[in-house]
């Protein structure tokens, strides 16, 4: 039997459908949602979903029946999953579908997500009412007592005990797997797997060719540089702004997506960006449909991103499909990943307004598109899902 332990997340519905469609007749799968109802993303009455939160008798009964030859796949390894796994004894194979958030936010507290200016801002403003960051970032990184540090050491012991039980690591960025193995005592083998979005990259590419830029809220007759992809501090907006403020002329618009995230942080980014770029600063604060957002992406000439992890991969792939330039840190895991698979991107060190205005060579654009559509085609995602379900 194959037991999927699932969070209530937007990727999960598509995954469950694909996993059901590719399963062989002799593979019995159960899809267990660990979050209580009502769900935010998942359909509440889907017949393939079993609702069994961690502390429920149903969860204990389901997992307790798993034994030799069975598999338990954990999607999203947050602290509740770590606490359960630490004390869970079974002969079943325990496997981890990797999400960046469950590792850098939860399982490994000391990863340097923040660049210098963002880090200084977080330290100075730890009393600000940012709910998510106070819980997940500021409080644990900047306001720790000795007891809390001792608690962290205790958590690390529990984490390491739980992690030692994992036999397979499902992910598609091998560079991230290598890093995780260096940071924690993970001995699991690597298996190539990644989720697909509600709209596959094949469909995104096809739809993008039909979209008219004259429907864009941006001025398509001017140069538009997108900075960041959301209103969270790990995007390091403040450091991006500082890097760019003296490198751009008044003829370049700085487009910053801020439609979701932490309000106090978004307000600060808005204030700093307005001061640095004046009327050239174009905040995207309205929630958009995917088609509307795709038009915005198509209206931009490039993306400048200051992430230290391999997050925002959907945005990066989408912009590459649109033939846009991407400027990321050489240290970002995505850079090594793209380099290995043959995709051309630019680094921060290479950034200049001249290069920003210069379209990428057609053969480079087409090569990037071909690689993405090969690795992330809908057909390949069915193959990855089939491999995960029927892994031997």
Protein backbone atom coordinates (compact mmCIF):
# COMPACT_ATOMS: atom_id res chain seq x y z
CA UNK A 1 0.00 0.00 0.00
CA UNK A 2 1.13 3.54 -0.74
CA UNK A 3 0.09 6.24 1.72
CA UNK A 4 0.44 9.91 0.72
CA UNK A 5 0.47 12.33 3.68
CA UNK A 6 -0.69 15.59 2.13
CA UNK A 7 -0.99 19.26 3.11
CA UNK A 8 -3.88 21.45 1.97
CA UNK A 9 -2.02 23.09 -0.91
CA UNK A 10 -2.77 24.27 -4.44
CA UNK A 11 -0.40 21.74 -6.07
CA UNK A 12 -2.00 18.71 -4.42
CA UNK A 13 -5.26 18.42 -6.36
CA UNK A 14 -3.44 18.12 -9.69
CA UNK A 15 -0.93 15.69 -8.17
CA UNK A 16 -3.66 13.41 -6.79
CA UNK A 17 -5.44 13.32 -10.14
CA UNK A 18 -2.24 12.44 -11.98
CA UNK A 19 -1.20 9.86 -9.39
CA UNK A 20 -4.59 8.18 -9.69
CA UNK A 21 -4.42 8.14 -13.48
CA UNK A 22 -0.93 6.62 -13.69
CA UNK A 23 -1.28 4.05 -10.91
CA UNK A 24 -1.04 0.40 -11.92
CA UNK A 25 -3.83 -1.92 -10.90
CA UNK A 26 -1.77 -3.50 -8.12
CA UNK A 27 -0.85 -0.19 -6.45
CA UNK A 28 -3.34 0.72 -3.74
CA UNK A 29 -2.99 4.40 -2.82
CA UNK A 30 -4.51 6.39 0.02
CA UNK A 31 -4.41 10.20 -0.05
CA UNK A 32 -4.51 11.45 3.54
CA UNK A 33 -4.91 15.19 4.18
CA UNK A 34 -3.19 16.14 7.43
CA UNK A 35 -4.97 19.51 7.75
CA UNK A 36 -8.38 19.85 9.33
CA UNK A 37 -11.35 20.98 7.27
CA UNK A 38 -12.41 23.38 5.87
CA UNK A 39 -9.72 23.25 3.23
CA UNK A 40 -8.35 26.37 1.61
CA UNK A 41 -7.26 24.77 -1.68
CA UNK A 42 -8.42 21.15 -1.84
CA UNK A 43 -11.96 20.09 -2.75
CA UNK A 44 -13.66 19.14 0.50
CA UNK A 45 -15.78 16.35 -0.96
CA UNK A 46 -13.22 14.72 -3.27
CA UNK A 47 -13.72 10.93 -2.97
CA UNK A 48 -9.98 10.24 -3.20
CA UNK A 49 -9.11 12.36 -0.13
CA UNK A 50 -9.21 11.07 3.45
CA UNK A 51 -9.23 13.76 6.11
CA UNK A 52 -7.08 12.66 9.05
CA UNK A 53 -5.15 15.38 10.94
CA UNK A 54 -2.00 14.34 12.80
CA UNK A 55 -3.64 14.18 16.21
CA UNK A 56 -6.70 12.24 15.05
CA UNK A 57 -7.42 8.54 15.80
CA UNK A 58 -7.97 8.06 12.05
CA UNK A 59 -4.40 9.16 11.32
CA UNK A 60 -2.96 6.83 13.96
CA UNK A 61 -4.99 3.92 12.65
CA UNK A 62 -4.05 4.51 9.01
CA UNK A 63 -0.31 4.91 9.61
CA UNK A 64 -0.22 2.12 12.18
CA UNK A 65 -1.33 -0.42 9.60
CA UNK A 66 1.67 0.28 7.35
CA UNK A 67 4.33 -2.40 7.36
CA UNK A 68 7.02 -4.14 5.36
CA UNK A 69 6.64 -3.51 1.63
CA UNK A 70 4.39 -0.49 2.18
CA UNK A 71 5.41 3.11 1.48
CA UNK A 72 4.59 6.36 3.29
CA UNK A 73 5.29 9.51 1.27
CA UNK A 74 5.40 12.76 3.24
CA UNK A 75 4.49 15.82 1.18
CA UNK A 76 5.63 18.90 3.17
CA UNK A 77 7.80 18.03 6.18
CA UNK A 78 6.76 20.68 8.70
CA UNK A 79 7.35 20.44 12.50
CA UNK A 80 4.21 18.39 13.18
CA UNK A 81 5.38 15.84 10.61
CA UNK A 82 8.86 15.80 12.15
CA UNK A 83 7.44 15.30 15.66
CA UNK A 84 5.27 12.41 14.45
CA UNK A 85 8.04 10.77 12.43
CA UNK A 86 10.55 10.97 15.27
CA UNK A 87 8.50 8.56 17.38
CA UNK A 88 6.93 6.53 14.59
CA UNK A 89 8.31 3.03 14.17
CA UNK A 90 7.48 1.04 11.05
CA UNK A 91 8.94 -1.32 8.50
CA UNK A 92 7.36 0.75 5.71
CA UNK A 93 9.54 2.89 3.46
CA UNK A 94 9.43 6.55 4.57
CA UNK A 95 9.87 9.03 1.72
CA UNK A 96 10.03 12.82 1.46
CA UNK A 97 8.73 14.96 -1.39
CA UNK A 98 10.89 18.04 -0.91
CA UNK A 99 9.49 21.56 -0.69
CA UNK A 100 11.89 24.47 -0.16
CA UNK A 101 9.63 25.95 2.51
CA UNK A 102 9.55 22.83 4.67
CA UNK A 103 13.34 22.74 4.81
CA UNK A 104 14.61 26.33 4.92
CA UNK A 105 11.70 27.59 7.01
CA UNK A 106 11.22 24.65 9.35
CA UNK A 107 13.76 21.86 9.29
CA UNK A 108 16.93 23.94 9.07
CA UNK A 109 16.72 27.22 10.94
CA UNK A 110 20.17 28.63 10.22
CA UNK A 111 20.20 28.83 6.44
CA UNK A 112 21.09 32.38 5.36
CA UNK A 113 17.96 33.37 3.48
CA UNK A 114 18.48 37.09 3.98
CA UNK A 115 20.98 39.47 2.42
CA UNK A 116 22.60 42.24 4.47
CA UNK A 117 20.00 45.05 4.19
CA UNK A 118 17.02 42.73 4.59
CA UNK A 119 18.70 41.04 7.53
CA UNK A 120 19.32 44.42 9.20
CA UNK A 121 15.70 45.43 8.61
CA UNK A 122 14.40 42.23 10.22
CA UNK A 123 16.65 42.64 13.24
CA UNK A 124 15.60 46.26 13.75
CA UNK A 125 11.89 45.61 13.30
CA UNK A 126 11.33 42.36 15.18
CA UNK A 127 8.53 43.95 17.24
CA UNK A 128 6.57 44.87 14.12
CA UNK A 129 3.32 42.91 13.76
CA UNK A 130 4.33 40.68 10.86
CA UNK A 131 2.48 37.52 11.72
CA UNK A 132 4.25 35.03 9.47
CA UNK A 133 7.75 36.39 9.95
CA UNK A 134 7.33 36.82 13.67
CA UNK A 135 6.42 33.16 13.90
CA UNK A 136 8.73 31.68 11.30
CA UNK A 137 11.66 34.05 10.92
CA UNK A 138 12.10 37.01 13.22
CA UNK A 139 11.27 35.42 16.54
CA UNK A 140 13.40 32.33 15.99
CA UNK A 141 16.34 34.18 14.44
CA UNK A 142 16.50 37.52 16.23
CA UNK A 143 14.86 37.26 19.63
CA UNK A 144 16.11 34.00 21.03
CA UNK A 145 16.97 33.51 24.65
CA UNK A 146 19.42 30.87 25.83
CA UNK A 147 16.48 28.63 26.61
CA UNK A 148 15.17 29.02 23.09
CA UNK A 149 18.60 28.16 21.70
CA UNK A 150 18.60 25.07 23.92
CA UNK A 151 15.13 24.29 22.59
CA UNK A 152 16.53 24.61 19.07
CA UNK A 153 19.29 22.13 19.88
CA UNK A 154 16.64 19.77 21.20
CA UNK A 155 14.58 20.27 18.05
CA UNK A 156 17.62 19.51 15.89
CA UNK A 157 18.05 16.19 17.71
CA UNK A 158 14.41 15.33 17.06
CA UNK A 159 14.73 16.46 13.45
CA UNK A 160 17.85 14.36 12.87
CA UNK A 161 16.19 11.29 14.39
CA UNK A 162 13.18 11.78 12.12
CA UNK A 163 15.28 12.51 9.02
CA UNK A 164 17.35 9.35 9.56
CA UNK A 165 14.23 7.28 8.87
CA UNK A 166 13.75 8.70 5.37
CA UNK A 167 14.90 6.39 2.57
CA UNK A 168 13.94 8.34 -0.59
CA UNK A 169 14.18 12.06 -1.38
CA UNK A 170 11.86 13.12 -4.24
CA UNK A 171 12.90 16.34 -5.98
CA UNK A 172 14.12 17.62 -9.34
CA UNK A 173 16.92 20.00 -8.34
CA UNK A 174 19.77 17.63 -7.61
CA UNK A 175 21.92 20.55 -6.39
CA UNK A 176 19.40 21.16 -3.62
CA UNK A 177 19.49 17.50 -2.61
CA UNK A 178 23.29 17.70 -2.36
CA UNK A 179 23.02 20.81 -0.17
CA UNK A 180 20.43 19.23 2.14
CA UNK A 181 22.66 16.18 2.58
CA UNK A 182 25.49 18.49 3.71
CA UNK A 183 23.31 20.42 6.16
CA UNK A 184 21.51 17.57 7.92
CA UNK A 185 22.20 13.82 8.28
CA UNK A 186 20.06 12.75 5.31
CA UNK A 187 21.05 9.39 3.82
CA UNK A 188 18.10 8.96 1.46
CA UNK A 189 18.55 8.21 -2.22
CA UNK A 190 17.51 10.76 -4.83
CA UNK A 191 14.53 10.27 -7.14
CA UNK A 192 13.65 12.80 -9.84
CA UNK A 193 10.14 14.14 -9.26
CA UNK A 194 8.38 17.48 -9.40
CA UNK A 195 4.81 18.66 -9.18
CA UNK A 196 3.06 20.21 -12.13
CA UNK A 197 0.98 23.36 -11.92
CA UNK A 198 -2.75 23.53 -12.67
CA UNK A 199 -1.68 24.79 -16.10
CA UNK A 200 1.22 22.82 -17.55
CA UNK A 201 4.19 24.61 -19.08
CA UNK A 202 3.07 23.32 -22.48
CA UNK A 203 -0.22 25.18 -22.05
CA UNK A 204 1.49 28.25 -20.57
CA UNK A 205 3.75 28.48 -23.60
CA UNK A 206 0.87 27.98 -26.04
CA UNK A 207 -1.34 30.52 -24.26
CA UNK A 208 1.46 33.08 -23.98
CA UNK A 209 1.84 33.12 -27.77
CA UNK A 210 -1.79 34.25 -28.11
CA UNK A 211 -1.79 37.00 -25.49
CA UNK A 212 -1.75 40.60 -26.65
CA UNK A 213 0.56 42.93 -24.73
CA UNK A 214 -1.72 45.89 -25.47
CA UNK A 215 -3.97 44.52 -22.71
CA UNK A 216 -1.16 45.00 -20.21
CA UNK A 217 -1.38 47.43 -17.28
CA UNK A 218 2.28 48.27 -17.99
CA UNK A 219 3.61 50.65 -20.60
CA UNK A 220 4.89 48.19 -23.21
CA UNK A 221 6.62 50.96 -25.16
CA UNK A 222 9.06 51.43 -22.28
CA UNK A 223 11.59 49.11 -20.64
CA UNK A 224 10.10 47.20 -17.70
CA UNK A 225 12.25 45.35 -15.18
CA UNK A 226 10.47 43.01 -12.76
CA UNK A 227 12.04 42.76 -9.31
CA UNK A 228 11.05 39.88 -7.03
CA UNK A 229 7.96 37.70 -7.18
CA UNK A 230 6.05 38.20 -3.90
CA UNK A 231 5.87 40.29 -0.74
CA UNK A 232 8.05 38.16 1.53
CA UNK A 233 11.42 39.06 3.03
CA UNK A 234 13.26 36.03 1.66
CA UNK A 235 12.99 37.77 -1.74
CA UNK A 236 15.46 40.38 -0.39
CA UNK A 237 13.78 43.35 -2.05
CA UNK A 238 15.75 45.91 -0.05
CA UNK A 239 19.06 44.52 -1.30
CA UNK A 240 17.78 44.39 -4.89
CA UNK A 241 16.64 48.01 -4.69
CA UNK A 242 20.00 49.11 -3.31
CA UNK A 243 21.83 47.23 -6.08
CA UNK A 244 19.69 48.68 -8.87
CA UNK A 245 19.04 52.26 -7.77
CA UNK A 246 22.18 53.72 -9.38
CA UNK A 247 22.21 51.39 -12.37
CA UNK A 248 18.92 52.40 -14.00
CA UNK A 249 18.03 55.52 -15.96
CA UNK A 250 14.66 57.30 -15.67
CA UNK A 251 13.57 55.39 -18.76
CA UNK A 252 13.28 52.04 -16.96
CA UNK A 253 10.19 51.08 -14.94
CA UNK A 254 10.76 48.89 -11.88
CA UNK A 255 7.83 46.47 -11.58
CA UNK A 256 7.49 44.82 -8.15
CA UNK A 257 4.82 42.12 -7.53
CA UNK A 258 3.43 42.74 -4.04
CA UNK A 259 -0.09 41.36 -4.27
CA UNK A 260 0.47 38.89 -1.42
CA UNK A 261 2.83 38.58 1.51
CA UNK A 262 3.18 40.43 4.82
CA UNK A 263 1.55 43.85 4.85
CA UNK A 264 4.05 45.66 7.07
CA UNK A 265 6.95 44.34 5.00
CA UNK A 266 5.15 45.23 1.75
CA UNK A 267 4.53 48.75 3.07
CA UNK A 268 8.23 49.14 3.86
CA UNK A 269 9.31 47.83 0.44
CA UNK A 270 6.82 50.21 -1.18
CA UNK A 271 8.23 53.18 0.74
CA UNK A 272 11.86 52.32 -0.02
CA UNK A 273 11.14 51.55 -3.69
CA UNK A 274 9.21 54.79 -4.14
CA UNK A 275 12.09 56.74 -2.63
CA UNK A 276 14.64 55.05 -4.87
CA UNK A 277 12.76 55.06 -8.18
CA UNK A 278 10.01 57.67 -7.84
CA UNK A 279 7.38 57.40 -10.57
CA UNK A 280 9.37 54.61 -12.20
CA UNK A 281 8.32 52.30 -9.34
CA UNK A 282 5.30 50.23 -10.41
CA UNK A 283 3.92 48.06 -7.57
CA UNK A 284 1.62 45.19 -8.55
CA UNK A 285 -0.76 45.09 -5.59
CA UNK A 286 -3.92 43.76 -7.23
CA UNK A 287 -4.56 40.04 -7.14
CA UNK A 288 -4.66 38.83 -10.75
CA UNK A 289 -5.87 35.79 -12.61
CA UNK A 290 -3.07 33.72 -14.10
CA UNK A 291 -3.83 35.08 -17.56
CA UNK A 292 -3.61 38.66 -16.30
CA UNK A 293 -0.33 37.90 -14.56
CA UNK A 294 1.00 36.22 -17.69
CA UNK A 295 0.32 39.43 -19.63
CA UNK A 296 2.31 41.38 -17.01
CA UNK A 297 5.22 38.92 -17.33
CA UNK A 298 5.08 39.18 -21.11
CA UNK A 299 5.22 42.99 -20.80
CA UNK A 300 8.47 42.87 -18.81
CA UNK A 301 11.90 42.72 -20.41
CA UNK A 302 13.65 40.85 -17.60
CA UNK A 303 13.45 39.62 -14.01
CA UNK A 304 15.93 40.58 -11.27
CA UNK A 305 15.76 38.16 -8.33
CA UNK A 306 17.79 38.09 -5.11
CA UNK A 307 16.80 34.70 -3.72
CA UNK A 308 19.28 32.45 -1.94
CA UNK A 309 17.18 29.30 -2.34
CA UNK A 310 15.63 27.54 -5.33
CA UNK A 311 12.21 29.09 -4.83
CA UNK A 312 10.18 30.96 -7.49
CA UNK A 313 11.01 28.27 -10.05
CA UNK A 314 7.57 28.59 -11.66
CA UNK A 315 8.16 32.28 -12.34
CA UNK A 316 11.67 31.63 -13.63
CA UNK A 317 10.56 28.91 -16.01
CA UNK A 318 7.60 30.96 -17.22
CA UNK A 319 9.73 34.02 -18.00
CA UNK A 320 12.26 31.87 -19.84
CA UNK A 321 9.40 30.42 -21.91
CA UNK A 322 8.49 34.02 -22.76
CA UNK A 323 12.04 34.64 -23.98
CA UNK A 324 12.91 37.06 -21.17
CA UNK A 325 16.26 37.65 -19.51
CA UNK A 326 16.69 36.50 -15.93
CA UNK A 327 19.27 37.95 -13.53
CA UNK A 328 19.86 35.76 -10.49
CA UNK A 329 22.70 35.24 -8.04
CA UNK A 330 25.43 32.89 -9.07
CA UNK A 331 25.15 31.43 -5.55
CA UNK A 332 21.44 30.65 -6.00
CA UNK A 333 20.92 26.90 -6.38
CA UNK A 334 18.78 27.54 -9.43
CA UNK A 335 21.83 28.94 -11.23
CA UNK A 336 23.76 25.70 -10.89
CA UNK A 337 20.65 23.75 -11.86
CA UNK A 338 20.07 25.79 -15.00
CA UNK A 339 23.74 25.58 -15.92
CA UNK A 340 23.72 21.79 -15.59
CA UNK A 341 20.67 21.27 -17.79
CA UNK A 342 21.88 23.77 -20.41
CA UNK A 343 19.62 26.77 -19.78
CA UNK A 344 21.22 30.21 -20.22
CA UNK A 345 20.54 32.86 -17.56
CA UNK A 346 22.42 35.97 -16.42
CA UNK A 347 24.00 36.71 -13.05
CA UNK A 348 23.75 39.85 -10.92
CA UNK A 349 27.35 40.66 -11.80
CA UNK A 350 26.42 40.83 -15.46
CA UNK A 351 23.54 43.23 -14.95
CA UNK A 352 23.55 46.52 -16.82
CA UNK A 353 20.84 48.64 -18.38
CA UNK A 354 22.43 48.06 -21.77
CA UNK A 355 22.10 44.28 -21.36
CA UNK A 356 18.58 44.71 -19.96
CA UNK A 357 17.52 46.49 -23.14
CA UNK A 358 19.27 43.99 -25.39
CA UNK A 359 17.02 41.07 -26.43
CA UNK A 360 18.47 37.63 -25.83
CA UNK A 361 19.71 35.85 -28.97
CA UNK A 362 16.99 33.89 -30.72
CA UNK A 363 18.91 30.61 -30.63
CA UNK A 364 19.47 30.98 -26.86
CA UNK A 365 15.77 31.72 -26.29
CA UNK A 366 14.72 28.72 -28.37
CA UNK A 367 17.20 26.44 -26.63
CA UNK A 368 15.84 27.52 -23.21
CA UNK A 369 12.28 26.90 -24.38
CA UNK A 370 13.11 23.47 -25.82
CA UNK A 371 14.78 22.32 -22.60
CA UNK A 372 11.93 23.52 -20.38
CA UNK A 373 9.23 21.98 -22.56
CA UNK A 374 11.18 18.72 -22.63
CA UNK A 375 11.79 18.46 -18.89
CA UNK A 376 8.48 19.98 -17.78
CA UNK A 377 6.05 18.85 -20.44
CA UNK A 378 2.77 17.39 -19.23
CA UNK A 379 3.80 14.01 -20.65
CA UNK A 380 7.05 14.11 -18.64
CA UNK A 381 5.16 15.03 -15.47
CA UNK A 382 2.97 11.96 -15.93
CA UNK A 383 6.17 9.95 -16.28
CA UNK A 384 7.64 11.47 -13.08
CA UNK A 385 4.41 10.76 -11.21
CA UNK A 386 4.32 7.21 -12.54
CA UNK A 387 7.91 6.68 -11.36
CA UNK A 388 7.03 8.00 -7.90
CA UNK A 389 3.93 5.83 -7.55
CA UNK A 390 5.60 2.68 -8.89
CA UNK A 391 9.08 3.25 -7.45
CA UNK A 392 10.88 0.02 -6.66
